[in-house]
Amino acid sequence: MANFEERFGTQHNHWDRQKPKWRGNTNALRKNVTVRFSDLYSFTVEGTLDDANIFNEVRERVRQQSRVWWALEASKGAGWYLQPKISSLSEGIAASSLSLSALSNTIALKRLIKKGIPLALRPKVWLSVSGAAKKRSTVPDSYYQDLLKAVQGKVTAATRQIDHDLPRTFPSHPWLDTPEGHESLRRVLVGYSFRDSHVGYCQGLNYVAALLLLVMKTEEDAFWMLAVLLENVLVSDCYTHNLSGCHVEQRVFKDLMAKKLPRIAAHLEHLEFDVSLVATEWFLCLFAKSLPSEVSIKFSFKSLCNRMIQTI
């Protein structure tokens, strides 16, 4: 079956074809003219000329950062970030346990991750540093396919909800909003709902899994990234029936807002507005519905690597 990259080409080339072009530099044009263009993951973006200029700056930063990664690939060797053979960067690394060269690579990787990972390298880097590759290595190679065969045709409350949510998941995306895209997303979500019956399926996971499919390019890699997110990275019970982990996140968020943004927190309290009415979706979807795809994806990967970044 053709995946997203096969149907639409590499994201880098797709951006070049869709790069917005315009003339004129007046304030009126920047504020009043609306332009539409495709982002790095083929989502349609609509905004002002100022918005498009900012997006061009982001694109250029991605290109500049890509040059750094490719230079390191040339000097250190392909896949240098896969060494040393550590369990995962998200579990943290003790400097004393690494050789000088390995420690140098790890520190360099930490800095590079903070600045961004080229689209072409994201699948390999994400699998390695998140712990997803290690998790997959603990089961037979055929685990994912065997799981899909075992659950084929089974109907549960989770599968019914998944089928209901598929058409509502990024309905304007040129690949996700197709029969092929729906089937691919369905297999990932249904497979995981049987892997972890305690979680099953929760609305919001469809958006998380959809973005993972676009980044990882294959269903199996997206499946293992979803597994490591839910089982090792996010707050426990975020997606269970009572959403207890999500409620914990809401309390922490409110405390942080009161500490970091006291005027906004006081204003919302004066209005008797419960911020969880909007923030619940932010956390359950990992901001996939609220932020541009590139920002949401960087946020997700920062969550995966946060403990590693703080450790070194």
Protein backbone atom coordinates (compact mmCIF):
# COMPACT_ATOMS: atom_id res chain seq x y z
CA MET A 1 0.00 0.00 0.00
CA ALA A 2 1.29 3.48 -0.84
CA ASN A 3 2.16 5.59 2.16
CA PHE A 4 1.96 9.36 2.52
CA GLU A 5 5.44 10.01 1.10
CA GLU A 6 4.87 7.80 -1.96
CA ARG A 7 1.63 9.59 -2.84
CA PHE A 8 2.83 13.16 -2.33
CA GLY A 9 6.61 12.96 -2.63
CA THR A 10 9.04 14.15 0.01
CA GLN A 11 7.76 16.91 2.22
CA HIS A 12 10.71 19.09 1.24
CA ASN A 13 9.88 18.97 -2.46
CA HIS A 14 6.16 19.38 -1.76
CA TRP A 15 6.92 22.60 0.10
CA ASP A 16 9.01 23.92 -2.79
CA ARG A 17 6.11 23.39 -5.17
CA GLN A 18 3.64 25.03 -2.82
CA LYS A 19 5.82 27.89 -1.59
CA PRO A 20 3.67 31.05 -1.61
CA LYS A 21 4.84 33.85 -3.83
CA TRP A 22 3.70 37.43 -3.75
CA ARG A 23 4.74 40.97 -4.53
CA GLY A 24 4.12 44.12 -2.64
CA ASN A 25 5.28 45.08 0.79
CA THR A 26 2.76 47.59 2.10
CA ASN A 27 1.18 47.32 5.51
CA ALA A 28 -2.28 47.16 3.94
CA LEU A 29 -1.34 44.14 1.86
CA ARG A 30 0.24 42.34 4.78
CA LYS A 31 -2.79 42.87 6.97
CA ASN A 32 -5.66 42.49 4.52
CA VAL A 33 -4.59 40.05 1.81
CA THR A 34 -5.31 36.41 2.63
CA VAL A 35 -3.09 33.72 1.13
CA ARG A 36 -3.35 29.94 1.21
CA PHE A 37 -0.42 27.54 1.02
CA SER A 38 0.62 24.07 2.14
CA ASP A 39 2.90 23.52 5.12
CA LEU A 40 5.64 20.91 5.47
CA TYR A 41 3.10 18.14 6.06
CA SER A 42 0.62 19.15 3.33
CA PHE A 43 -1.85 20.87 5.66
CA THR A 44 -3.50 23.88 4.07
CA VAL A 45 -2.64 27.09 5.91
CA GLU A 46 -4.60 30.29 5.49
CA GLY A 47 -3.31 33.59 6.79
CA THR A 48 -1.98 37.04 6.01
CA LEU A 49 1.19 37.86 4.11
CA ASP A 50 2.89 38.39 7.46
CA ASP A 51 1.92 34.85 8.45
CA ALA A 52 3.31 33.50 5.20
CA ASN A 53 6.55 35.45 5.67
CA ILE A 54 6.95 33.90 9.10
CA PHE A 55 6.33 30.48 7.61
CA ASN A 56 9.01 31.11 4.99
CA GLU A 57 11.42 31.98 7.80
CA VAL A 58 10.57 28.69 9.50
CA ARG A 59 11.16 26.82 6.25
CA GLU A 60 14.56 28.48 5.85
CA ARG A 61 15.55 27.57 9.42
CA VAL A 62 14.60 23.96 8.68
CA ARG A 63 16.85 24.01 5.63
CA GLN A 64 19.74 25.53 7.57
CA GLN A 65 19.39 22.98 10.33
CA SER A 66 19.25 20.21 7.75
CA ARG A 67 22.66 21.27 6.45
CA VAL A 68 24.10 20.84 9.96
CA TRP A 69 22.68 17.32 10.26
CA TRP A 70 23.92 16.28 6.82
CA ALA A 71 27.39 17.65 7.59
CA LEU A 72 27.49 15.51 10.73
CA GLU A 73 26.27 12.52 8.74
CA ALA A 74 29.24 13.06 6.41
CA SER A 75 31.81 13.51 9.19
CA LYS A 76 30.57 11.05 11.83
CA GLY A 77 28.94 8.51 9.54
CA ALA A 78 25.33 7.70 8.72
CA GLY A 79 23.25 6.96 11.79
CA TRP A 80 25.83 8.37 14.20
CA TYR A 81 22.97 9.38 16.51
CA LEU A 82 22.09 5.70 16.96
CA GLN A 83 25.33 5.20 18.92
CA PRO A 84 26.06 4.35 21.66
CA LYS A 85 23.62 1.49 22.08
CA ILE A 86 21.57 3.13 24.79
CA SER A 87 18.06 2.17 25.83
CA SER A 88 16.63 5.58 24.94
CA LEU A 89 17.48 9.20 25.47
CA SER A 90 14.09 9.79 27.05
CA GLU A 91 15.19 7.63 30.01
CA GLY A 92 18.17 9.88 30.70
CA ILE A 93 21.86 9.10 30.40
CA ALA A 94 24.50 9.11 33.12
CA ALA A 95 27.59 10.87 31.77
CA SER A 96 29.87 8.57 33.74
CA SER A 97 28.55 5.56 31.86
CA LEU A 98 29.57 6.85 28.43
CA SER A 99 32.94 7.02 26.72
CA LEU A 100 34.28 10.46 25.81
CA SER A 101 33.33 10.06 22.14
CA ALA A 102 29.88 8.71 23.02
CA LEU A 103 29.30 11.55 25.47
CA SER A 104 30.35 14.05 22.81
CA ASN A 105 27.84 12.54 20.38
CA THR A 106 25.11 12.61 23.03
CA ILE A 107 25.69 16.27 23.89
CA ALA A 108 25.76 17.17 20.21
CA LEU A 109 22.52 15.26 19.67
CA LYS A 110 20.86 17.08 22.55
CA ARG A 111 21.75 20.44 21.03
CA LEU A 112 20.59 19.40 17.59
CA ILE A 113 17.27 18.11 18.91
CA LYS A 114 16.58 21.46 20.53
CA LYS A 115 17.07 23.20 17.19
CA GLY A 116 15.06 20.72 15.15
CA ILE A 117 15.45 17.52 13.15
CA PRO A 118 15.30 17.38 9.32
CA LEU A 119 12.11 15.81 8.03
CA ALA A 120 13.97 13.00 6.25
CA LEU A 121 15.75 11.94 9.46
CA ARG A 122 12.84 12.30 11.86
CA PRO A 123 11.56 8.70 11.61
CA LYS A 124 14.96 7.15 12.50
CA VAL A 125 15.83 9.74 15.14
CA TRP A 126 12.41 9.62 16.80
CA LEU A 127 12.44 5.82 16.98
CA SER A 128 15.92 5.80 18.45
CA VAL A 129 15.80 8.54 21.06
CA SER A 130 12.23 7.93 22.21
CA GLY A 131 12.74 4.31 23.18
CA ALA A 132 10.26 3.07 20.57
CA ALA A 133 12.93 1.02 18.80
CA LYS A 134 13.87 -0.64 22.09
CA LYS A 135 10.23 -1.38 22.89
CA ARG A 136 9.73 -2.95 19.45
CA SER A 137 12.87 -5.08 19.89
CA THR A 138 11.32 -6.86 22.91
CA VAL A 139 8.68 -8.59 20.76
CA PRO A 140 8.85 -10.70 17.56
CA ASP A 141 9.32 -8.81 14.29
CA SER A 142 5.86 -9.90 13.18
CA TYR A 143 4.15 -8.52 16.31
CA TYR A 144 2.28 -5.67 14.60
CA GLN A 145 1.08 -7.74 11.64
CA ASP A 146 0.10 -10.62 13.94
CA LEU A 147 -1.85 -8.18 16.10
CA LEU A 148 -3.75 -6.83 13.10
CA LYS A 149 -4.61 -10.33 11.93
CA ALA A 150 -5.81 -11.32 15.41
CA VAL A 151 -8.18 -8.36 15.74
CA GLN A 152 -9.47 -8.28 12.16
CA GLY A 153 -13.26 -8.19 12.08
CA LYS A 154 -13.63 -7.77 15.84
CA VAL A 155 -16.06 -5.08 16.96
CA THR A 156 -15.81 -3.33 20.31
CA ALA A 157 -16.90 -0.01 21.76
CA ALA A 158 -13.41 1.27 20.90
CA THR A 159 -13.56 0.20 17.23
CA ARG A 160 -17.00 1.75 16.84
CA GLN A 161 -15.77 5.06 18.23
CA ILE A 162 -12.67 4.93 16.04
CA ASP A 163 -14.82 4.39 12.94
CA HIS A 164 -16.95 7.37 13.98
CA ASP A 165 -13.90 9.62 14.43
CA LEU A 166 -11.92 8.73 11.29
CA PRO A 167 -13.78 11.12 8.92
CA ARG A 168 -13.42 13.93 11.48
CA THR A 169 -9.64 13.61 11.76
CA PHE A 170 -8.02 16.41 9.74
CA PRO A 171 -10.81 16.31 7.13
CA SER A 172 -9.04 18.62 4.68
CA HIS A 173 -5.71 16.76 4.55
CA PRO A 174 -4.96 15.35 1.07
CA TRP A 175 -3.86 11.93 2.35
CA LEU A 176 -5.41 11.46 5.79
CA ASP A 177 -8.85 12.35 4.42
CA THR A 178 -8.87 9.50 1.88
CA PRO A 179 -10.00 5.86 2.15
CA GLU A 180 -6.35 4.83 2.22
CA GLY A 181 -5.50 7.32 4.94
CA HIS A 182 -8.54 6.31 7.01
CA GLU A 183 -7.62 2.63 6.78
CA SER A 184 -4.03 3.27 7.77
CA LEU A 185 -5.06 5.37 10.77
CA ARG A 186 -7.71 2.82 11.72
CA ARG A 187 -5.22 -0.04 11.82
CA VAL A 188 -2.90 1.89 14.13
CA LEU A 189 -5.69 2.91 16.51
CA VAL A 190 -7.52 -0.43 16.54
CA GLY A 191 -4.25 -2.31 16.97
CA TYR A 192 -3.31 -0.23 19.99
CA SER A 193 -6.81 -0.49 21.49
CA PHE A 194 -6.29 -4.26 21.69
CA ARG A 195 -2.67 -3.99 22.82
CA ASP A 196 -3.72 -1.98 25.87
CA SER A 197 -7.33 -2.69 26.78
CA HIS A 198 -6.95 -0.47 29.86
CA VAL A 199 -6.68 2.52 27.52
CA GLY A 200 -8.57 1.10 24.57
CA TYR A 201 -9.38 4.23 22.61
CA CYS A 202 -9.95 7.79 23.71
CA GLN A 203 -10.96 10.71 21.50
CA GLY A 204 -7.86 12.77 20.89
CA LEU A 205 -5.68 9.78 20.13
CA ASN A 206 -6.87 9.92 16.53
CA TYR A 207 -5.15 13.29 16.06
CA VAL A 208 -1.98 12.13 17.83
CA ALA A 209 -1.76 8.96 15.74
CA ALA A 210 -2.50 10.87 12.53
CA LEU A 211 0.44 13.21 13.06
CA LEU A 212 2.65 10.25 13.93
CA LEU A 213 1.70 8.62 10.64
CA LEU A 214 2.75 11.74 8.73
CA VAL A 215 6.08 11.96 10.56
CA MET A 216 7.01 8.28 10.72
CA LYS A 217 5.74 7.43 7.20
CA THR A 218 4.89 3.80 8.07
CA GLU A 219 2.07 2.37 10.16
CA GLU A 220 4.29 0.13 12.26
CA ASP A 221 6.67 2.93 13.23
CA ALA A 222 3.69 5.16 14.07
CA PHE A 223 2.21 2.34 16.17
CA TRP A 224 5.38 1.98 18.26
CA MET A 225 5.71 5.73 18.68
CA LEU A 226 2.14 5.82 19.97
CA ALA A 227 2.95 2.94 22.32
CA VAL A 228 6.00 4.64 23.83
CA LEU A 229 4.11 7.92 24.21
CA LEU A 230 1.24 6.33 26.14
CA GLU A 231 3.25 3.78 28.10
CA ASN A 232 6.48 5.61 28.94
CA VAL A 233 6.26 9.35 28.35
CA LEU A 234 2.88 10.92 29.10
CA VAL A 235 1.28 11.14 32.52
CA SER A 236 -0.18 7.78 33.51
CA ASP A 237 -3.91 7.33 32.83
CA CYS A 238 -4.18 10.35 30.51
CA TYR A 239 -6.39 8.41 28.13
CA THR A 240 -8.15 5.96 30.42
CA HIS A 241 -11.91 6.01 31.01
CA ASN A 242 -11.85 8.58 33.83
CA LEU A 243 -9.04 10.72 32.30
CA SER A 244 -7.40 10.97 35.72
CA GLY A 245 -4.00 11.76 34.24
CA CYS A 246 -5.51 14.56 32.17
CA HIS A 247 -7.12 16.01 35.30
CA VAL A 248 -3.68 16.06 36.94
CA GLU A 249 -2.30 17.94 33.93
CA GLN A 250 -5.12 20.48 34.21
CA ARG A 251 -4.31 21.19 37.87
CA VAL A 252 -0.61 21.59 37.08
CA PHE A 253 -1.44 23.87 34.16
CA LYS A 254 -3.64 26.09 36.33
CA ASP A 255 -0.90 26.33 38.97
CA LEU A 256 1.69 27.23 36.33
CA MET A 257 -0.58 29.86 34.81
CA ALA A 258 -1.16 31.43 38.22
CA LYS A 259 2.61 31.52 38.77
CA LYS A 260 3.80 32.56 35.31
CA LEU A 261 0.78 34.53 34.02
CA PRO A 262 -0.92 35.86 37.16
CA ARG A 263 -2.83 38.67 35.39
CA ILE A 264 -4.38 36.28 32.88
CA ALA A 265 -5.16 33.77 35.61
CA ALA A 266 -6.83 36.47 37.72
CA HIS A 267 -8.83 37.72 34.73
CA LEU A 268 -10.11 34.25 33.92
CA GLU A 269 -11.02 33.71 37.55
CA HIS A 270 -12.89 37.04 37.58
CA LEU A 271 -14.85 35.85 34.53
CA GLU A 272 -15.45 32.52 36.28
CA PHE A 273 -14.03 30.81 33.21
CA ASP A 274 -12.77 27.27 33.67
CA VAL A 275 -9.67 27.00 31.50
CA SER A 276 -10.04 23.22 31.34
CA LEU A 277 -12.92 23.80 28.90
CA VAL A 278 -10.29 24.57 26.24
CA ALA A 279 -7.13 23.06 27.73
CA THR A 280 -8.49 19.51 27.88
CA GLU A 281 -8.44 19.31 24.09
CA TRP A 282 -4.96 20.79 24.01
CA PHE A 283 -3.54 18.04 26.17
CA LEU A 284 -5.53 15.10 24.78
CA CYS A 285 -4.62 16.03 21.19
CA LEU A 286 -1.08 17.17 22.11
CA PHE A 287 -2.00 20.51 20.51
CA ALA A 288 -2.49 18.86 17.10
CA LYS A 289 -5.83 20.67 16.59
CA SER A 290 -4.68 23.98 18.06
CA LEU A 291 -1.22 24.69 16.63
CA PRO A 292 0.39 24.50 13.18
CA SER A 293 1.59 20.97 12.42
CA GLU A 294 5.30 21.78 12.69
CA VAL A 295 4.85 23.40 16.11
CA SER A 296 2.67 20.55 17.36
CA ILE A 297 5.17 17.96 16.12
CA LYS A 298 8.08 19.73 17.81
CA PHE A 299 6.06 19.88 21.03
CA SER A 300 5.40 16.13 20.85
CA PHE A 301 9.05 15.30 20.29
CA LYS A 302 10.12 17.68 23.06
CA SER A 303 7.86 15.67 25.36
CA LEU A 304 9.55 12.47 24.22
CA CYS A 305 13.05 13.81 24.88
CA ASN A 306 12.44 16.18 27.78
CA ARG A 307 13.97 13.98 30.46
CA MET A 308 17.06 13.39 28.33
CA ILE A 309 17.51 17.11 27.66
CA GLN A 310 17.25 17.93 31.36
CA THR A 311 19.69 15.15 32.36
CA ILE A 312 22.73 16.05 30.29
